[in-house]
N, C-alpha and C. Protein backbone atom coordinates (compact mmCIF):
# COMPACT_ATOMS: atom_id res chain seq x y z
N UNK A 1 39.74 -11.59 22.72
CA UNK A 1 38.99 -10.35 22.70
C UNK A 1 39.81 -9.25 22.04
N UNK A 2 41.11 -9.20 22.34
CA UNK A 2 41.97 -8.18 21.75
C UNK A 2 42.06 -8.35 20.23
N UNK A 3 42.10 -9.61 19.80
CA UNK A 3 42.18 -9.87 18.36
C UNK A 3 40.93 -9.35 17.66
N UNK A 4 39.77 -9.53 18.25
CA UNK A 4 38.52 -9.06 17.68
C UNK A 4 38.53 -7.54 17.60
N UNK A 5 38.96 -6.88 18.66
CA UNK A 5 39.02 -5.41 18.67
C UNK A 5 40.01 -4.92 17.63
N UNK A 6 41.16 -5.60 17.52
CA UNK A 6 42.16 -5.21 16.53
C UNK A 6 41.61 -5.36 15.11
N UNK A 7 40.98 -6.50 14.85
CA UNK A 7 40.42 -6.74 13.52
C UNK A 7 39.32 -5.73 13.19
N UNK A 8 38.50 -5.39 14.17
CA UNK A 8 37.45 -4.39 13.95
C UNK A 8 38.07 -3.04 13.64
N UNK A 9 39.14 -2.69 14.32
CA UNK A 9 39.82 -1.42 14.06
C UNK A 9 40.41 -1.39 12.66
N UNK A 10 41.08 -2.48 12.27
CA UNK A 10 41.67 -2.55 10.93
C UNK A 10 40.59 -2.46 9.87
N UNK A 11 39.49 -3.17 10.07
CA UNK A 11 38.39 -3.14 9.12
C UNK A 11 37.82 -1.73 9.00
N UNK A 12 37.60 -1.08 10.13
CA UNK A 12 37.08 0.29 10.12
C UNK A 12 38.01 1.24 9.40
N UNK A 13 39.31 1.14 9.68
CA UNK A 13 40.28 2.02 9.01
C UNK A 13 40.34 1.75 7.51
N UNK A 14 40.29 0.49 7.12
CA UNK A 14 40.35 0.19 5.69
C UNK A 14 39.09 0.68 4.98
N UNK A 15 37.93 0.61 5.64
CA UNK A 15 36.70 1.14 5.04
C UNK A 15 36.81 2.65 4.91
N UNK A 16 37.35 3.31 5.93
CA UNK A 16 37.53 4.76 5.88
C UNK A 16 38.47 5.13 4.75
N UNK A 17 39.57 4.41 4.62
CA UNK A 17 40.54 4.71 3.56
C UNK A 17 39.92 4.50 2.19
N UNK A 18 39.12 3.45 2.06
CA UNK A 18 38.48 3.19 0.77
C UNK A 18 37.50 4.30 0.40
N UNK A 19 36.79 4.83 1.39
CA UNK A 19 35.83 5.90 1.13
C UNK A 19 36.51 7.22 0.86
N UNK A 20 37.69 7.44 1.47
CA UNK A 20 38.33 8.74 1.32
C UNK A 20 39.01 8.90 -0.02
N UNK A 21 39.26 7.84 -0.74
CA UNK A 21 39.78 7.95 -2.10
C UNK A 21 41.28 7.97 -2.19
N UNK A 22 41.97 8.76 -1.42
CA UNK A 22 43.42 8.78 -1.44
C UNK A 22 44.02 9.70 -2.47
N UNK A 23 43.26 10.35 -3.31
CA UNK A 23 43.81 11.26 -4.32
C UNK A 23 43.93 12.67 -3.77
N UNK A 24 44.40 13.57 -4.62
CA UNK A 24 44.52 14.96 -4.20
C UNK A 24 43.13 15.56 -4.03
N UNK A 25 43.05 16.72 -3.37
CA UNK A 25 41.75 17.34 -3.17
C UNK A 25 41.16 17.78 -4.50
N UNK A 26 42.00 18.16 -5.46
CA UNK A 26 41.47 18.53 -6.78
C UNK A 26 40.87 17.32 -7.47
N UNK A 27 41.53 16.16 -7.36
CA UNK A 27 41.00 14.95 -7.98
C UNK A 27 39.68 14.56 -7.33
N UNK A 28 39.62 14.67 -6.00
CA UNK A 28 38.39 14.32 -5.29
C UNK A 28 37.27 15.27 -5.68
N UNK A 29 37.57 16.55 -5.76
CA UNK A 29 36.57 17.54 -6.12
C UNK A 29 36.05 17.26 -7.53
N UNK A 30 36.96 16.94 -8.45
CA UNK A 30 36.58 16.64 -9.82
C UNK A 30 35.70 15.39 -9.86
N UNK A 31 36.05 14.38 -9.07
CA UNK A 31 35.25 13.15 -9.03
C UNK A 31 33.86 13.42 -8.50
N UNK A 32 33.74 14.27 -7.49
CA UNK A 32 32.43 14.61 -6.94
C UNK A 32 31.59 15.34 -7.97
N UNK A 33 32.18 16.29 -8.69
CA UNK A 33 31.46 17.02 -9.73
C UNK A 33 30.99 16.05 -10.80
N UNK A 34 31.87 15.17 -11.24
CA UNK A 34 31.50 14.21 -12.27
C UNK A 34 30.37 13.31 -11.78
N UNK A 35 30.46 12.82 -10.53
CA UNK A 35 29.41 11.97 -9.98
C UNK A 35 28.10 12.72 -9.89
N UNK A 36 28.14 13.98 -9.45
CA UNK A 36 26.93 14.79 -9.33
C UNK A 36 26.31 15.03 -10.69
N UNK A 37 27.15 15.32 -11.70
CA UNK A 37 26.61 15.53 -13.06
C UNK A 37 25.92 14.28 -13.56
N UNK A 38 26.54 13.12 -13.34
CA UNK A 38 25.94 11.86 -13.78
C UNK A 38 24.64 11.60 -13.03
N UNK A 39 24.64 11.89 -11.75
CA UNK A 39 23.45 11.67 -10.93
C UNK A 39 22.32 12.56 -11.39
N UNK A 40 22.60 13.83 -11.64
CA UNK A 40 21.58 14.76 -12.09
C UNK A 40 20.97 14.27 -13.40
N UNK A 41 21.80 13.77 -14.30
CA UNK A 41 21.31 13.25 -15.56
C UNK A 41 20.38 12.06 -15.32
N UNK A 42 20.76 11.17 -14.40
CA UNK A 42 19.94 10.00 -14.11
C UNK A 42 18.61 10.41 -13.51
N UNK A 43 18.59 11.42 -12.65
CA UNK A 43 17.34 11.88 -12.06
C UNK A 43 16.44 12.44 -13.15
N UNK A 44 17.01 13.20 -14.08
CA UNK A 44 16.22 13.76 -15.17
C UNK A 44 15.61 12.65 -16.01
N UNK A 45 16.38 11.58 -16.27
CA UNK A 45 15.88 10.45 -17.04
C UNK A 45 14.71 9.80 -16.32
N UNK A 46 14.81 9.66 -15.02
CA UNK A 46 13.77 9.01 -14.24
C UNK A 46 12.47 9.81 -14.25
N UNK A 47 12.55 11.12 -14.45
CA UNK A 47 11.38 11.97 -14.39
C UNK A 47 10.38 11.71 -15.51
N UNK A 48 10.81 11.11 -16.59
CA UNK A 48 9.91 10.84 -17.70
C UNK A 48 9.18 9.52 -17.47
N UNK A 49 7.90 9.57 -17.09
CA UNK A 49 7.16 8.33 -16.84
C UNK A 49 6.91 7.56 -18.13
N UNK A 50 6.70 6.27 -17.97
CA UNK A 50 6.52 5.39 -19.13
C UNK A 50 5.17 5.58 -19.80
N UNK A 51 4.15 6.00 -19.08
CA UNK A 51 2.84 6.15 -19.69
C UNK A 51 2.21 7.47 -19.28
N UNK A 52 1.15 7.86 -20.01
CA UNK A 52 0.49 9.14 -19.74
C UNK A 52 -0.35 9.11 -18.47
N UNK A 53 -0.76 7.93 -18.00
CA UNK A 53 -1.63 7.86 -16.84
C UNK A 53 -0.87 7.52 -15.56
N UNK A 54 0.39 7.92 -15.48
CA UNK A 54 1.21 7.59 -14.31
C UNK A 54 0.65 8.19 -13.03
N UNK A 55 -0.03 9.33 -13.12
CA UNK A 55 -0.59 9.95 -11.91
C UNK A 55 -1.84 9.21 -11.43
N UNK A 56 -2.42 8.37 -12.27
CA UNK A 56 -3.58 7.60 -11.86
C UNK A 56 -3.19 6.43 -10.95
N UNK A 57 -1.92 6.05 -10.97
CA UNK A 57 -1.43 4.95 -10.13
C UNK A 57 -1.34 5.44 -8.69
N UNK A 58 -2.20 4.92 -7.84
CA UNK A 58 -2.23 5.31 -6.42
C UNK A 58 -1.38 4.40 -5.56
N UNK A 59 -0.84 3.34 -6.16
CA UNK A 59 -0.03 2.41 -5.40
C UNK A 59 -0.89 1.43 -4.63
N UNK A 60 -0.24 0.68 -3.75
CA UNK A 60 -0.91 -0.36 -2.97
C UNK A 60 -0.69 -0.04 -1.50
N UNK A 61 -1.78 0.17 -0.80
CA UNK A 61 -1.66 0.49 0.62
C UNK A 61 -2.88 1.21 1.13
N UNK A 62 -2.77 1.80 2.29
CA UNK A 62 -3.93 2.38 2.96
C UNK A 62 -4.40 3.72 2.38
N UNK A 63 -3.57 4.37 1.58
CA UNK A 63 -3.90 5.72 1.11
C UNK A 63 -4.56 5.64 -0.27
N UNK A 64 -5.80 6.11 -0.34
CA UNK A 64 -6.52 6.10 -1.62
C UNK A 64 -6.78 7.50 -2.13
N UNK A 65 -6.67 8.50 -1.25
CA UNK A 65 -6.94 9.87 -1.66
C UNK A 65 -6.14 10.84 -0.78
N UNK A 66 -5.53 11.84 -1.43
CA UNK A 66 -4.80 12.88 -0.71
C UNK A 66 -5.17 14.23 -1.31
N UNK A 67 -5.55 15.16 -0.46
CA UNK A 67 -5.82 16.53 -0.90
C UNK A 67 -4.63 17.39 -0.49
N UNK A 68 -3.81 17.77 -1.47
CA UNK A 68 -2.62 18.56 -1.17
C UNK A 68 -2.95 20.01 -0.85
N UNK A 69 -4.05 20.51 -1.33
CA UNK A 69 -4.39 21.91 -1.10
C UNK A 69 -3.66 22.82 -2.09
N UNK A 70 -4.13 24.04 -2.20
CA UNK A 70 -3.57 24.98 -3.17
C UNK A 70 -2.22 25.54 -2.73
N UNK A 71 -2.02 25.66 -1.43
CA UNK A 71 -0.76 26.22 -0.93
C UNK A 71 -0.10 25.22 0.01
N UNK A 72 1.19 25.39 0.19
CA UNK A 72 1.96 24.51 1.06
C UNK A 72 1.69 24.87 2.51
N UNK A 73 1.44 23.88 3.32
CA UNK A 73 1.28 24.04 4.76
C UNK A 73 2.68 24.05 5.36
N UNK A 74 3.18 25.23 5.68
CA UNK A 74 4.57 25.39 6.13
C UNK A 74 4.87 24.61 7.40
N UNK A 75 3.94 24.60 8.34
CA UNK A 75 4.16 23.86 9.59
C UNK A 75 4.28 22.37 9.32
N UNK A 76 3.38 21.85 8.48
CA UNK A 76 3.42 20.44 8.13
C UNK A 76 4.71 20.10 7.38
N UNK A 77 5.10 20.98 6.46
CA UNK A 77 6.33 20.75 5.70
C UNK A 77 7.56 20.74 6.60
N UNK A 78 7.57 21.60 7.60
CA UNK A 78 8.70 21.65 8.54
C UNK A 78 8.79 20.34 9.32
N UNK A 79 7.65 19.83 9.77
CA UNK A 79 7.62 18.54 10.47
C UNK A 79 8.10 17.42 9.52
N UNK A 80 7.65 17.51 8.28
CA UNK A 80 8.06 16.52 7.28
C UNK A 80 9.54 16.55 7.01
N UNK A 81 10.11 17.74 6.97
CA UNK A 81 11.55 17.87 6.75
C UNK A 81 12.32 17.24 7.91
N UNK A 82 11.86 17.48 9.13
CA UNK A 82 12.52 16.88 10.30
C UNK A 82 12.45 15.35 10.25
N UNK A 83 11.27 14.83 9.91
CA UNK A 83 11.12 13.38 9.78
C UNK A 83 12.02 12.83 8.67
N UNK A 84 12.03 13.52 7.54
CA UNK A 84 12.86 13.11 6.40
C UNK A 84 14.32 13.05 6.82
N UNK A 85 14.78 14.09 7.51
CA UNK A 85 16.18 14.12 7.95
C UNK A 85 16.50 13.02 8.95
N UNK A 86 15.54 12.63 9.77
CA UNK A 86 15.75 11.57 10.76
C UNK A 86 15.64 10.18 10.15
N UNK A 87 14.69 9.98 9.25
CA UNK A 87 14.34 8.64 8.81
C UNK A 87 14.82 8.26 7.40
N UNK A 88 15.07 9.24 6.55
CA UNK A 88 15.22 8.94 5.12
C UNK A 88 16.60 9.20 4.54
N UNK A 89 17.39 10.06 5.16
CA UNK A 89 18.63 10.52 4.53
C UNK A 89 19.74 9.47 4.48
N UNK A 90 19.56 8.36 5.14
CA UNK A 90 20.55 7.29 5.01
C UNK A 90 20.54 6.74 3.58
N UNK A 91 19.40 6.82 2.93
CA UNK A 91 19.26 6.26 1.57
C UNK A 91 18.85 7.27 0.51
N UNK A 92 18.32 8.42 0.92
CA UNK A 92 17.81 9.41 -0.04
C UNK A 92 18.46 10.77 0.17
N UNK A 93 18.66 11.46 -0.92
CA UNK A 93 19.06 12.87 -0.93
C UNK A 93 18.01 13.61 -1.75
N UNK A 94 17.66 14.83 -1.36
CA UNK A 94 16.56 15.51 -2.04
C UNK A 94 16.74 15.68 -3.55
N UNK A 95 17.95 16.00 -3.99
CA UNK A 95 18.09 16.35 -5.40
C UNK A 95 19.11 15.53 -6.17
N UNK A 96 19.60 14.44 -5.60
CA UNK A 96 20.51 13.56 -6.33
C UNK A 96 20.17 12.10 -6.06
N UNK A 97 20.44 11.28 -7.04
CA UNK A 97 20.27 9.84 -6.91
C UNK A 97 21.31 9.34 -5.90
N UNK A 98 20.89 8.52 -4.98
CA UNK A 98 21.79 7.99 -3.96
C UNK A 98 21.51 6.49 -3.88
N UNK A 99 21.33 5.95 -2.73
CA UNK A 99 20.94 4.54 -2.62
C UNK A 99 19.53 4.38 -3.16
N UNK A 100 18.69 5.37 -2.90
CA UNK A 100 17.33 5.43 -3.45
C UNK A 100 17.19 6.69 -4.29
N UNK A 101 16.05 6.85 -4.95
CA UNK A 101 15.86 8.00 -5.85
C UNK A 101 15.76 9.33 -5.11
N UNK A 102 16.06 10.39 -5.84
CA UNK A 102 15.89 11.75 -5.32
C UNK A 102 14.41 12.08 -5.23
N UNK A 103 14.05 12.88 -4.24
CA UNK A 103 12.64 13.23 -4.06
C UNK A 103 12.24 14.51 -4.77
N UNK A 104 13.20 15.32 -5.14
CA UNK A 104 12.85 16.56 -5.83
C UNK A 104 12.07 16.23 -7.10
N UNK A 105 10.90 16.79 -7.21
CA UNK A 105 10.06 16.55 -8.38
C UNK A 105 9.27 15.25 -8.35
N UNK A 106 9.34 14.50 -7.25
CA UNK A 106 8.65 13.21 -7.21
C UNK A 106 7.15 13.38 -7.41
N UNK A 107 6.59 14.49 -6.96
CA UNK A 107 5.15 14.68 -7.11
C UNK A 107 4.77 15.08 -8.53
N UNK A 108 5.77 15.28 -9.39
CA UNK A 108 5.52 15.45 -10.82
C UNK A 108 5.60 14.10 -11.54
N UNK A 109 6.20 13.11 -10.85
CA UNK A 109 6.38 11.78 -11.44
C UNK A 109 5.39 10.76 -10.91
N UNK A 110 4.94 10.95 -9.69
CA UNK A 110 4.07 10.00 -9.01
C UNK A 110 2.98 10.75 -8.28
N UNK A 111 1.85 10.10 -8.09
CA UNK A 111 0.75 10.71 -7.34
C UNK A 111 1.12 10.78 -5.87
N UNK A 112 0.55 11.73 -5.12
CA UNK A 112 0.85 11.80 -3.68
C UNK A 112 0.41 10.52 -2.95
N UNK A 113 -0.66 9.89 -3.43
CA UNK A 113 -1.11 8.63 -2.83
C UNK A 113 -0.04 7.55 -3.01
N UNK A 114 0.53 7.49 -4.23
CA UNK A 114 1.58 6.50 -4.50
C UNK A 114 2.77 6.73 -3.56
N UNK A 115 3.17 7.98 -3.41
CA UNK A 115 4.33 8.30 -2.56
C UNK A 115 4.05 7.88 -1.12
N UNK A 116 2.87 8.23 -0.63
CA UNK A 116 2.54 7.86 0.76
C UNK A 116 2.46 6.35 0.92
N UNK A 117 1.88 5.66 -0.05
CA UNK A 117 1.82 4.20 0.05
C UNK A 117 3.21 3.58 -0.01
N UNK A 118 4.11 4.18 -0.77
CA UNK A 118 5.49 3.68 -0.81
C UNK A 118 6.16 3.87 0.55
N UNK A 119 5.89 4.97 1.21
CA UNK A 119 6.44 5.23 2.54
C UNK A 119 5.84 4.26 3.57
N UNK A 120 4.54 4.06 3.50
CA UNK A 120 3.83 3.27 4.50
C UNK A 120 3.84 1.77 4.25
N UNK A 121 3.98 1.37 2.99
CA UNK A 121 3.80 -0.03 2.62
C UNK A 121 4.85 -0.46 1.57
N UNK A 122 6.13 -0.22 1.86
CA UNK A 122 7.14 -0.45 0.82
C UNK A 122 7.27 -1.91 0.39
N UNK A 123 7.13 -2.85 1.29
CA UNK A 123 7.32 -4.25 0.92
C UNK A 123 6.31 -4.70 -0.13
N UNK A 124 5.03 -4.44 0.13
CA UNK A 124 4.00 -4.85 -0.82
C UNK A 124 4.10 -4.05 -2.12
N UNK A 125 4.43 -2.77 -2.00
CA UNK A 125 4.61 -1.95 -3.21
C UNK A 125 5.71 -2.54 -4.09
N UNK A 126 6.83 -2.92 -3.48
CA UNK A 126 7.96 -3.46 -4.25
C UNK A 126 7.65 -4.84 -4.83
N UNK A 127 6.71 -5.54 -4.23
CA UNK A 127 6.32 -6.85 -4.75
C UNK A 127 5.27 -6.77 -5.85
N UNK A 128 4.35 -5.76 -5.79
CA UNK A 128 3.18 -5.78 -6.66
C UNK A 128 3.01 -4.58 -7.58
N UNK A 129 3.62 -3.46 -7.29
CA UNK A 129 3.44 -2.26 -8.10
C UNK A 129 4.54 -2.19 -9.17
N UNK A 130 4.15 -2.08 -10.43
CA UNK A 130 5.11 -2.12 -11.53
C UNK A 130 6.17 -1.02 -11.43
N UNK A 131 5.75 0.19 -11.15
CA UNK A 131 6.71 1.29 -11.06
C UNK A 131 7.69 1.05 -9.91
N UNK A 132 7.20 0.59 -8.77
CA UNK A 132 8.07 0.30 -7.63
C UNK A 132 9.04 -0.83 -7.96
N UNK A 133 8.56 -1.86 -8.66
CA UNK A 133 9.44 -2.97 -9.06
C UNK A 133 10.55 -2.47 -9.98
N UNK A 134 10.20 -1.56 -10.89
CA UNK A 134 11.21 -1.00 -11.79
C UNK A 134 12.25 -0.18 -11.02
N UNK A 135 11.78 0.58 -10.02
CA UNK A 135 12.73 1.35 -9.19
C UNK A 135 13.65 0.41 -8.43
N UNK A 136 13.12 -0.68 -7.94
CA UNK A 136 13.93 -1.66 -7.22
C UNK A 136 15.06 -2.17 -8.12
N UNK A 137 14.73 -2.51 -9.35
CA UNK A 137 15.76 -2.96 -10.30
C UNK A 137 16.77 -1.85 -10.57
N UNK A 138 16.27 -0.64 -10.79
CA UNK A 138 17.14 0.50 -11.10
C UNK A 138 18.11 0.81 -9.97
N UNK A 139 17.68 0.58 -8.74
CA UNK A 139 18.50 0.89 -7.57
C UNK A 139 19.11 -0.38 -6.97
N UNK A 140 19.63 -1.25 -7.85
CA UNK A 140 20.43 -2.42 -7.47
C UNK A 140 19.74 -3.36 -6.49
N UNK A 141 18.43 -3.48 -6.62
CA UNK A 141 17.65 -4.39 -5.77
C UNK A 141 17.80 -4.11 -4.28
N UNK A 142 18.02 -2.85 -3.95
CA UNK A 142 18.06 -2.44 -2.54
C UNK A 142 16.66 -1.98 -2.18
N UNK A 143 15.94 -2.77 -1.39
CA UNK A 143 14.55 -2.42 -1.08
C UNK A 143 14.45 -1.27 -0.08
N UNK A 144 13.38 -0.52 -0.21
CA UNK A 144 13.09 0.53 0.76
C UNK A 144 12.65 -0.14 2.05
N UNK A 145 13.16 0.37 3.15
CA UNK A 145 12.84 -0.17 4.47
C UNK A 145 11.59 0.50 5.02
N UNK A 146 10.74 -0.29 5.62
CA UNK A 146 9.57 0.27 6.28
C UNK A 146 10.04 0.94 7.57
N UNK A 147 9.82 2.25 7.66
CA UNK A 147 10.28 3.02 8.81
C UNK A 147 9.25 3.05 9.94
N UNK A 148 8.10 2.42 9.73
CA UNK A 148 7.07 2.36 10.76
C UNK A 148 6.43 3.71 11.03
N UNK A 149 6.33 4.53 9.99
CA UNK A 149 5.73 5.86 10.14
C UNK A 149 4.21 5.78 10.10
N UNK A 150 3.56 6.75 10.71
CA UNK A 150 2.11 6.84 10.67
C UNK A 150 1.68 7.50 9.36
N UNK A 151 0.40 7.39 9.08
CA UNK A 151 -0.15 8.04 7.89
C UNK A 151 0.06 9.56 7.96
N UNK A 152 -0.12 10.14 9.14
CA UNK A 152 0.09 11.57 9.33
C UNK A 152 1.55 11.95 9.07
N UNK A 153 2.49 11.14 9.52
CA UNK A 153 3.91 11.42 9.28
C UNK A 153 4.25 11.32 7.80
N UNK A 154 3.68 10.32 7.12
CA UNK A 154 3.91 10.19 5.68
C UNK A 154 3.37 11.41 4.95
N UNK A 155 2.22 11.89 5.39
CA UNK A 155 1.63 13.09 4.77
C UNK A 155 2.52 14.30 4.99
N UNK A 156 3.12 14.41 6.17
CA UNK A 156 4.04 15.52 6.45
C UNK A 156 5.26 15.46 5.54
N UNK A 157 5.78 14.26 5.30
CA UNK A 157 6.92 14.12 4.40
C UNK A 157 6.54 14.52 2.98
N UNK A 158 5.36 14.13 2.54
CA UNK A 158 4.89 14.54 1.21
C UNK A 158 4.78 16.06 1.13
N UNK A 159 4.31 16.68 2.18
CA UNK A 159 4.22 18.15 2.19
C UNK A 159 5.62 18.75 2.08
N UNK A 160 6.59 18.17 2.74
CA UNK A 160 7.99 18.62 2.61
C UNK A 160 8.46 18.46 1.17
N UNK A 161 8.11 17.36 0.51
CA UNK A 161 8.51 17.14 -0.87
C UNK A 161 7.97 18.26 -1.78
N UNK A 162 6.85 18.83 -1.43
CA UNK A 162 6.29 19.94 -2.23
C UNK A 162 7.19 21.16 -2.19
N UNK A 163 8.04 21.28 -1.17
CA UNK A 163 8.91 22.47 -1.04
C UNK A 163 10.22 22.30 -1.80
N UNK A 164 10.51 21.09 -2.25
CA UNK A 164 11.80 20.84 -2.92
C UNK A 164 11.82 21.41 -4.34
């Protein structure tokens, strides 16, 4: 038992050391800036859809129509932000490419129906939707996990995306 605990401690420390980099704070800061600049460029590249009818793609799932309304529903967006922070930030950051794509501007790249279907039905979307399959390839074949959210919760997250 002690050997297992010791090995787990060594593994944890080595992972921490690997993540911390070991360089000076200036080197680390420079590396972060460089990574952020590269990420921002990649997000900008992703924003250009392959075809003119990209907004017509509603995705595969239960959502066939979404009325976003003329103005943002602040209460709904606040609930969406809370859900996003609880469920999504392990893989997504609002304005930078991470394990998954950035959400800032996603509603300029994809229809709200597509976004909600991706949240609610990621497995089938990744298997059958061309845009989702391309994202899977772009993000090192790391599939989006189904978080078990309701349609209402997915809609709240989309409303939050409107505020980004």
